[in-house]
Amino acid sequence: MFFHGINWEYVKREYPLLSPRRTVSQKGQEQLLDRIHLIQQFGIEPIHLLEADEGYPEERCIRECYVFGDTVFAFERLPLPMWQLSSHEVGVEVLDLRKCSRIYTYRSVVEVEEWFPGIPCIRTQRPNHLQRTIESGRDHL
């Protein structure tokens, strides 16, 4: 299973396809430098996903994806070509959110279900590290 974390506001803006090429103009300097590095290394700037396996369980993938957003999309398979970015991270050029098999969120499930009818949506607790950040008054991790 593959997992991608994203803030719901970006889902609504980018739906149904996620592609880094569509958001180049919104990137900051550090993100643009990372983009150039990825293009030099892989020929594209990929969408990043975590891949679960025996030593890297789904729960860990979900928890780590929550660092990148309030909603996590799970996919049973991904489109080819696919790049191995690190031991548990893969990348694809474009990600069709309509092809997900499950959605995890700590937001309201009702709005997610309206956008993705028929796809199981699982409401989870807000991850502890995010709750501590909110309670401390900081607006970033």
N, C-alpha and C. Protein backbone atom coordinates (compact mmCIF):
# COMPACT_ATOMS: atom_id res chain seq x y z
N MET A 1 0.86 -1.17 0.00
CA MET A 1 0.00 0.00 0.00
C MET A 1 0.90 1.24 0.00
N PHE A 2 0.44 2.28 -0.68
CA PHE A 2 1.19 3.53 -0.81
C PHE A 2 0.36 4.66 -0.20
N PHE A 3 1.03 5.64 0.43
CA PHE A 3 0.33 6.70 1.16
C PHE A 3 0.89 8.07 0.79
N HIS A 4 -0.03 9.04 0.68
CA HIS A 4 0.34 10.42 0.37
C HIS A 4 -0.43 11.37 1.29
N GLY A 5 0.30 12.20 2.03
CA GLY A 5 -0.31 13.18 2.92
C GLY A 5 -0.40 14.55 2.26
N ILE A 6 -1.54 15.21 2.45
CA ILE A 6 -1.78 16.51 1.81
C ILE A 6 -2.83 17.26 2.62
N ASN A 7 -2.75 18.58 2.62
CA ASN A 7 -3.79 19.39 3.25
C ASN A 7 -5.02 19.42 2.36
N TRP A 8 -6.18 19.32 2.99
CA TRP A 8 -7.44 19.27 2.25
C TRP A 8 -7.63 20.47 1.33
N GLU A 9 -7.17 21.63 1.73
CA GLU A 9 -7.31 22.82 0.88
C GLU A 9 -6.64 22.62 -0.48
N TYR A 10 -5.53 21.89 -0.51
CA TYR A 10 -4.85 21.62 -1.78
C TYR A 10 -5.60 20.56 -2.60
N VAL A 11 -6.22 19.62 -1.91
CA VAL A 11 -7.03 18.63 -2.62
C VAL A 11 -8.13 19.35 -3.39
N LYS A 12 -8.82 20.26 -2.72
CA LYS A 12 -9.92 20.98 -3.37
C LYS A 12 -9.41 21.83 -4.54
N ARG A 13 -8.25 22.40 -4.40
CA ARG A 13 -7.71 23.27 -5.45
C ARG A 13 -7.16 22.47 -6.64
N GLU A 14 -6.55 21.32 -6.37
CA GLU A 14 -5.87 20.56 -7.42
C GLU A 14 -6.68 19.39 -7.97
N TYR A 15 -7.78 19.02 -7.33
CA TYR A 15 -8.58 17.85 -7.71
C TYR A 15 -8.86 17.83 -9.20
N PRO A 16 -8.76 16.69 -9.86
CA PRO A 16 -8.53 15.34 -9.35
C PRO A 16 -7.08 14.86 -9.45
N LEU A 17 -6.21 15.65 -10.14
CA LEU A 17 -4.85 15.20 -10.38
C LEU A 17 -3.84 16.05 -9.64
N LEU A 18 -2.94 15.39 -8.93
CA LEU A 18 -1.83 16.11 -8.30
C LEU A 18 -0.63 16.02 -9.24
N SER A 19 -0.03 17.16 -9.52
CA SER A 19 1.16 17.22 -10.36
C SER A 19 1.98 18.43 -9.92
N PRO A 20 3.25 18.22 -9.56
CA PRO A 20 4.08 19.35 -9.14
C PRO A 20 4.23 20.43 -10.20
N ARG A 21 4.08 20.05 -11.45
CA ARG A 21 4.21 21.06 -12.52
C ARG A 21 3.12 22.12 -12.45
N ARG A 22 1.97 21.76 -11.89
CA ARG A 22 0.85 22.69 -11.82
C ARG A 22 1.04 23.75 -10.74
N THR A 23 1.99 23.53 -9.81
CA THR A 23 2.14 24.44 -8.68
C THR A 23 3.52 25.10 -8.61
N VAL A 24 4.27 25.07 -9.69
CA VAL A 24 5.63 25.63 -9.69
C VAL A 24 5.62 27.09 -9.28
N SER A 25 4.69 27.86 -9.77
CA SER A 25 4.67 29.31 -9.49
C SER A 25 4.38 29.62 -8.02
N GLN A 26 3.89 28.64 -7.25
CA GLN A 26 3.55 28.87 -5.84
C GLN A 26 4.66 28.42 -4.89
N LYS A 27 5.77 27.94 -5.41
CA LYS A 27 6.84 27.39 -4.58
C LYS A 27 7.79 28.48 -4.11
N GLY A 28 8.29 28.29 -2.90
CA GLY A 28 9.29 29.19 -2.34
C GLY A 28 10.67 28.82 -2.86
N GLN A 29 11.68 29.60 -2.48
CA GLN A 29 13.04 29.40 -2.96
C GLN A 29 13.57 28.01 -2.62
N GLU A 30 13.38 27.56 -1.38
CA GLU A 30 13.88 26.24 -0.98
C GLU A 30 13.19 25.12 -1.76
N GLN A 31 11.90 25.27 -1.97
CA GLN A 31 11.16 24.26 -2.74
C GLN A 31 11.61 24.24 -4.20
N LEU A 32 11.93 25.41 -4.76
CA LEU A 32 12.39 25.46 -6.14
C LEU A 32 13.76 24.80 -6.29
N LEU A 33 14.64 24.99 -5.29
CA LEU A 33 15.95 24.33 -5.32
C LEU A 33 15.80 22.82 -5.22
N ASP A 34 14.88 22.37 -4.37
CA ASP A 34 14.60 20.94 -4.25
C ASP A 34 14.05 20.41 -5.57
N ARG A 35 13.19 21.18 -6.21
CA ARG A 35 12.62 20.78 -7.50
C ARG A 35 13.72 20.60 -8.54
N ILE A 36 14.65 21.53 -8.62
CA ILE A 36 15.74 21.44 -9.58
C ILE A 36 16.58 20.19 -9.31
N HIS A 37 16.88 19.93 -8.05
CA HIS A 37 17.65 18.74 -7.67
C HIS A 37 16.93 17.46 -8.12
N LEU A 38 15.63 17.37 -7.87
CA LEU A 38 14.86 16.19 -8.26
C LEU A 38 14.82 16.02 -9.77
N ILE A 39 14.66 17.11 -10.50
CA ILE A 39 14.63 17.04 -11.96
C ILE A 39 15.99 16.57 -12.48
N GLN A 40 17.08 17.07 -11.89
CA GLN A 40 18.41 16.62 -12.31
C GLN A 40 18.61 15.14 -12.02
N GLN A 41 18.08 14.67 -10.88
CA GLN A 41 18.28 13.28 -10.48
C GLN A 41 17.36 12.30 -11.21
N PHE A 42 16.07 12.67 -11.36
CA PHE A 42 15.08 11.74 -11.91
C PHE A 42 14.49 12.15 -13.25
N GLY A 43 14.74 13.37 -13.68
CA GLY A 43 14.16 13.85 -14.93
C GLY A 43 12.80 14.50 -14.73
N ILE A 44 12.24 14.39 -13.54
CA ILE A 44 10.95 15.01 -13.19
C ILE A 44 10.98 15.39 -11.72
N GLU A 45 9.99 16.16 -11.32
CA GLU A 45 9.74 16.38 -9.89
C GLU A 45 8.56 15.47 -9.53
N PRO A 46 8.81 14.41 -8.80
CA PRO A 46 7.74 13.45 -8.53
C PRO A 46 6.85 13.82 -7.35
N ILE A 47 5.65 13.24 -7.33
CA ILE A 47 4.79 13.24 -6.16
C ILE A 47 5.35 12.16 -5.24
N HIS A 48 5.55 12.48 -3.97
CA HIS A 48 6.15 11.54 -3.02
C HIS A 48 5.07 10.73 -2.29
N LEU A 49 5.32 9.43 -2.17
CA LEU A 49 4.44 8.55 -1.40
C LEU A 49 5.29 7.62 -0.55
N LEU A 50 4.76 7.24 0.60
CA LEU A 50 5.41 6.23 1.43
C LEU A 50 4.85 4.86 1.08
N GLU A 51 5.72 3.86 1.08
CA GLU A 51 5.31 2.49 0.76
C GLU A 51 5.40 1.63 2.02
N ALA A 52 4.29 1.01 2.37
CA ALA A 52 4.26 0.13 3.55
C ALA A 52 4.81 -1.25 3.19
N ASP A 53 5.47 -1.87 4.15
CA ASP A 53 5.90 -3.26 4.02
C ASP A 53 6.00 -3.86 5.42
N GLU A 54 6.52 -5.05 5.53
CA GLU A 54 6.58 -5.73 6.83
C GLU A 54 7.31 -4.91 7.89
N GLY A 55 8.39 -4.28 7.52
CA GLY A 55 9.18 -3.51 8.47
C GLY A 55 8.76 -2.05 8.57
N TYR A 56 7.81 -1.64 7.77
CA TYR A 56 7.37 -0.24 7.73
C TYR A 56 5.85 -0.26 7.61
N PRO A 57 5.15 -0.48 8.73
CA PRO A 57 3.70 -0.72 8.68
C PRO A 57 2.87 0.47 8.22
N GLU A 58 1.65 0.15 7.80
CA GLU A 58 0.72 1.19 7.33
C GLU A 58 0.51 2.28 8.36
N GLU A 59 0.39 1.91 9.63
CA GLU A 59 0.15 2.91 10.69
C GLU A 59 1.27 3.93 10.73
N ARG A 60 2.50 3.48 10.56
CA ARG A 60 3.64 4.40 10.56
C ARG A 60 3.57 5.32 9.34
N CYS A 61 3.25 4.76 8.18
CA CYS A 61 3.12 5.57 6.97
C CYS A 61 2.08 6.67 7.16
N ILE A 62 0.93 6.29 7.70
CA ILE A 62 -0.15 7.27 7.92
C ILE A 62 0.30 8.36 8.86
N ARG A 63 0.91 7.96 9.99
CA ARG A 63 1.39 8.93 10.99
C ARG A 63 2.40 9.89 10.35
N GLU A 64 3.33 9.35 9.57
CA GLU A 64 4.34 10.21 8.95
C GLU A 64 3.75 11.08 7.84
N CYS A 65 2.75 10.60 7.14
CA CYS A 65 2.10 11.42 6.10
C CYS A 65 1.34 12.59 6.71
N TYR A 66 0.86 12.43 7.94
CA TYR A 66 0.16 13.53 8.59
C TYR A 66 1.07 14.74 8.82
N VAL A 67 2.36 14.58 8.75
CA VAL A 67 3.26 15.71 8.86
C VAL A 67 3.06 16.64 7.66
N PHE A 68 2.61 16.10 6.53
CA PHE A 68 2.47 16.87 5.31
C PHE A 68 1.05 17.35 5.05
N GLY A 69 0.10 16.94 5.87
CA GLY A 69 -1.26 17.40 5.66
C GLY A 69 -2.25 16.72 6.57
N ASP A 70 -3.47 17.22 6.54
CA ASP A 70 -4.52 16.71 7.41
C ASP A 70 -5.29 15.54 6.81
N THR A 71 -4.91 15.15 5.60
CA THR A 71 -5.60 14.07 4.89
C THR A 71 -4.55 13.17 4.25
N VAL A 72 -4.77 11.85 4.36
CA VAL A 72 -3.83 10.88 3.80
C VAL A 72 -4.60 9.97 2.83
N PHE A 73 -4.11 9.90 1.61
CA PHE A 73 -4.70 9.04 0.59
C PHE A 73 -3.90 7.76 0.50
N ALA A 74 -4.59 6.61 0.48
CA ALA A 74 -3.96 5.30 0.36
C ALA A 74 -4.27 4.71 -1.01
N PHE A 75 -3.26 4.13 -1.62
CA PHE A 75 -3.39 3.54 -2.95
C PHE A 75 -2.87 2.11 -2.93
N GLU A 76 -3.61 1.22 -3.56
CA GLU A 76 -3.15 -0.16 -3.66
C GLU A 76 -2.07 -0.29 -4.73
N ARG A 77 -2.18 0.48 -5.80
CA ARG A 77 -1.17 0.46 -6.85
C ARG A 77 -1.02 1.88 -7.40
N LEU A 78 0.11 2.11 -8.04
CA LEU A 78 0.42 3.42 -8.59
C LEU A 78 0.68 3.31 -10.09
N PRO A 79 0.51 4.43 -10.79
CA PRO A 79 0.80 4.40 -12.23
C PRO A 79 2.30 4.31 -12.48
N LEU A 80 2.66 3.71 -13.59
CA LEU A 80 4.06 3.67 -13.99
C LEU A 80 4.32 4.83 -14.93
N PRO A 81 5.51 5.34 -15.01
CA PRO A 81 6.67 4.89 -14.28
C PRO A 81 6.65 5.35 -12.82
N MET A 82 7.38 4.61 -12.00
CA MET A 82 7.50 4.90 -10.57
C MET A 82 8.99 4.92 -10.24
N TRP A 83 9.41 5.87 -9.43
CA TRP A 83 10.80 6.00 -9.04
C TRP A 83 10.96 5.67 -7.57
N GLN A 84 12.03 4.96 -7.22
CA GLN A 84 12.37 4.68 -5.83
C GLN A 84 13.19 5.86 -5.33
N LEU A 85 12.63 6.65 -4.43
CA LEU A 85 13.30 7.87 -3.96
C LEU A 85 14.16 7.60 -2.73
N SER A 86 13.73 6.67 -1.89
CA SER A 86 14.49 6.24 -0.71
C SER A 86 13.98 4.86 -0.35
N SER A 87 14.45 4.31 0.76
CA SER A 87 14.08 2.92 1.08
C SER A 87 12.57 2.72 1.24
N HIS A 88 11.83 3.73 1.69
CA HIS A 88 10.39 3.58 1.88
C HIS A 88 9.59 4.64 1.14
N GLU A 89 10.23 5.34 0.23
CA GLU A 89 9.56 6.43 -0.47
C GLU A 89 9.67 6.22 -1.98
N VAL A 90 8.53 6.36 -2.65
CA VAL A 90 8.49 6.27 -4.10
C VAL A 90 7.91 7.56 -4.67
N GLY A 91 8.09 7.74 -5.95
CA GLY A 91 7.55 8.92 -6.60
C GLY A 91 6.90 8.59 -7.92
N VAL A 92 5.86 9.35 -8.26
CA VAL A 92 5.19 9.24 -9.55
C VAL A 92 5.04 10.65 -10.12
N GLU A 93 4.88 10.72 -11.43
CA GLU A 93 4.79 12.03 -12.08
C GLU A 93 3.45 12.71 -11.80
N VAL A 94 2.37 11.93 -11.83
CA VAL A 94 1.02 12.46 -11.61
C VAL A 94 0.27 11.46 -10.74
N LEU A 95 -0.54 11.96 -9.82
CA LEU A 95 -1.31 11.10 -8.93
C LEU A 95 -2.79 11.43 -9.07
N ASP A 96 -3.57 10.45 -9.50
CA ASP A 96 -5.01 10.62 -9.66
C ASP A 96 -5.69 10.24 -8.35
N LEU A 97 -6.16 11.23 -7.62
CA LEU A 97 -6.76 10.99 -6.30
C LEU A 97 -8.01 10.12 -6.38
N ARG A 98 -8.68 10.11 -7.51
CA ARG A 98 -9.89 9.30 -7.67
C ARG A 98 -9.58 7.81 -7.64
N LYS A 99 -8.32 7.43 -7.79
CA LYS A 99 -7.94 6.02 -7.81
C LYS A 99 -7.48 5.51 -6.45
N CYS A 100 -7.69 6.31 -5.41
CA CYS A 100 -7.28 5.87 -4.07
C CYS A 100 -8.23 4.77 -3.58
N SER A 101 -7.75 3.99 -2.64
CA SER A 101 -8.58 2.91 -2.10
C SER A 101 -9.14 3.25 -0.72
N ARG A 102 -8.49 4.17 0.00
CA ARG A 102 -8.96 4.63 1.32
C ARG A 102 -8.46 6.04 1.54
N ILE A 103 -9.15 6.74 2.44
CA ILE A 103 -8.73 8.09 2.82
C ILE A 103 -8.77 8.15 4.34
N TYR A 104 -7.72 8.70 4.93
CA TYR A 104 -7.65 8.93 6.37
C TYR A 104 -7.63 10.43 6.60
N THR A 105 -8.34 10.88 7.62
CA THR A 105 -8.34 12.31 7.92
C THR A 105 -8.70 12.53 9.37
N TYR A 106 -8.26 13.65 9.91
CA TYR A 106 -8.76 14.05 11.22
C TYR A 106 -9.66 15.28 11.06
N ARG A 107 -10.03 15.57 9.84
CA ARG A 107 -11.02 16.61 9.52
C ARG A 107 -12.42 16.01 9.61
N SER A 108 -13.40 16.77 9.18
CA SER A 108 -14.76 16.26 9.06
C SER A 108 -14.81 15.28 7.89
N VAL A 109 -15.34 14.10 8.14
CA VAL A 109 -15.43 13.07 7.11
C VAL A 109 -16.49 13.42 6.07
N VAL A 110 -17.49 14.19 6.44
CA VAL A 110 -18.62 14.48 5.54
C VAL A 110 -18.14 15.14 4.26
N GLU A 111 -17.32 16.16 4.35
CA GLU A 111 -16.85 16.85 3.14
C GLU A 111 -15.99 15.92 2.29
N VAL A 112 -15.14 15.13 2.91
CA VAL A 112 -14.30 14.20 2.16
C VAL A 112 -15.18 13.19 1.42
N GLU A 113 -16.20 12.68 2.09
CA GLU A 113 -17.10 11.71 1.45
C GLU A 113 -17.88 12.33 0.30
N GLU A 114 -18.19 13.62 0.38
CA GLU A 114 -18.88 14.30 -0.72
C GLU A 114 -18.00 14.34 -1.96
N TRP A 115 -16.71 14.57 -1.78
CA TRP A 115 -15.77 14.64 -2.90
C TRP A 115 -15.39 13.26 -3.42
N PHE A 116 -15.40 12.25 -2.54
CA PHE A 116 -14.95 10.90 -2.90
C PHE A 116 -16.01 9.87 -2.50
N PRO A 117 -17.18 9.90 -3.14
CA PRO A 117 -18.23 8.95 -2.79
C PRO A 117 -17.79 7.51 -3.08
N GLY A 118 -18.15 6.63 -2.17
CA GLY A 118 -17.84 5.21 -2.35
C GLY A 118 -16.45 4.79 -1.91
N ILE A 119 -15.60 5.75 -1.57
CA ILE A 119 -14.25 5.41 -1.10
C ILE A 119 -14.27 5.49 0.42
N PRO A 120 -13.84 4.42 1.10
CA PRO A 120 -13.85 4.44 2.56
C PRO A 120 -13.02 5.60 3.12
N CYS A 121 -13.64 6.35 4.01
CA CYS A 121 -12.97 7.48 4.67
C CYS A 121 -12.94 7.19 6.16
N ILE A 122 -11.76 7.17 6.71
CA ILE A 122 -11.57 6.81 8.11
C ILE A 122 -11.12 8.03 8.88
N ARG A 123 -11.92 8.42 9.86
CA ARG A 123 -11.55 9.56 10.70
C ARG A 123 -10.63 9.06 11.79
N THR A 124 -9.51 9.74 11.96
CA THR A 124 -8.53 9.37 12.96
C THR A 124 -8.36 10.50 13.96
N GLN A 125 -7.66 10.20 15.02
CA GLN A 125 -7.30 11.23 15.99
C GLN A 125 -6.23 12.13 15.36
N ARG A 126 -6.21 13.35 15.79
CA ARG A 126 -5.13 14.25 15.37
C ARG A 126 -3.84 13.67 15.97
N PRO A 127 -2.80 13.50 15.17
CA PRO A 127 -1.56 12.94 15.69
C PRO A 127 -1.02 13.75 16.86
N ASN A 128 -0.45 13.07 17.84
CA ASN A 128 0.04 13.72 19.06
C ASN A 128 1.00 14.86 18.78
N HIS A 129 1.93 14.67 17.84
CA HIS A 129 2.91 15.72 17.57
C HIS A 129 2.22 16.97 17.01
N LEU A 130 1.14 16.81 16.27
CA LEU A 130 0.41 17.97 15.76
C LEU A 130 -0.39 18.64 16.88
N GLN A 131 -1.00 17.84 17.74
CA GLN A 131 -1.77 18.40 18.85
C GLN A 131 -0.87 19.23 19.76
N ARG A 132 0.34 18.72 20.06
CA ARG A 132 1.28 19.47 20.91
C ARG A 132 1.66 20.78 20.25
N THR A 133 1.84 20.78 18.93
CA THR A 133 2.19 21.99 18.20
C THR A 133 1.06 23.02 18.30
N ILE A 134 -0.17 22.58 18.12
CA ILE A 134 -1.32 23.48 18.21
C ILE A 134 -1.46 24.04 19.61
N GLU A 135 -1.35 23.19 20.62
CA GLU A 135 -1.50 23.63 22.00
C GLU A 135 -0.39 24.60 22.43
N SER A 136 0.79 24.47 21.84
CA SER A 136 1.89 25.34 22.22
C SER A 136 1.79 26.70 21.53
N GLY A 137 0.85 26.84 20.57
CA GLY A 137 0.67 28.10 19.88
C GLY A 137 1.57 28.28 18.68
N ARG A 138 2.39 27.27 18.37
CA ARG A 138 3.24 27.37 17.19
C ARG A 138 2.41 27.00 15.98
N ASP A 139 2.73 27.62 14.85
CA ASP A 139 1.96 27.33 13.65
C ASP A 139 2.71 26.45 12.67
N HIS A 140 3.80 25.84 13.12
CA HIS A 140 4.54 24.92 12.26
C HIS A 140 5.17 23.84 13.12
N LEU A 141 5.57 22.75 12.47
CA LEU A 141 6.17 21.63 13.21
C LEU A 141 7.62 21.90 13.53
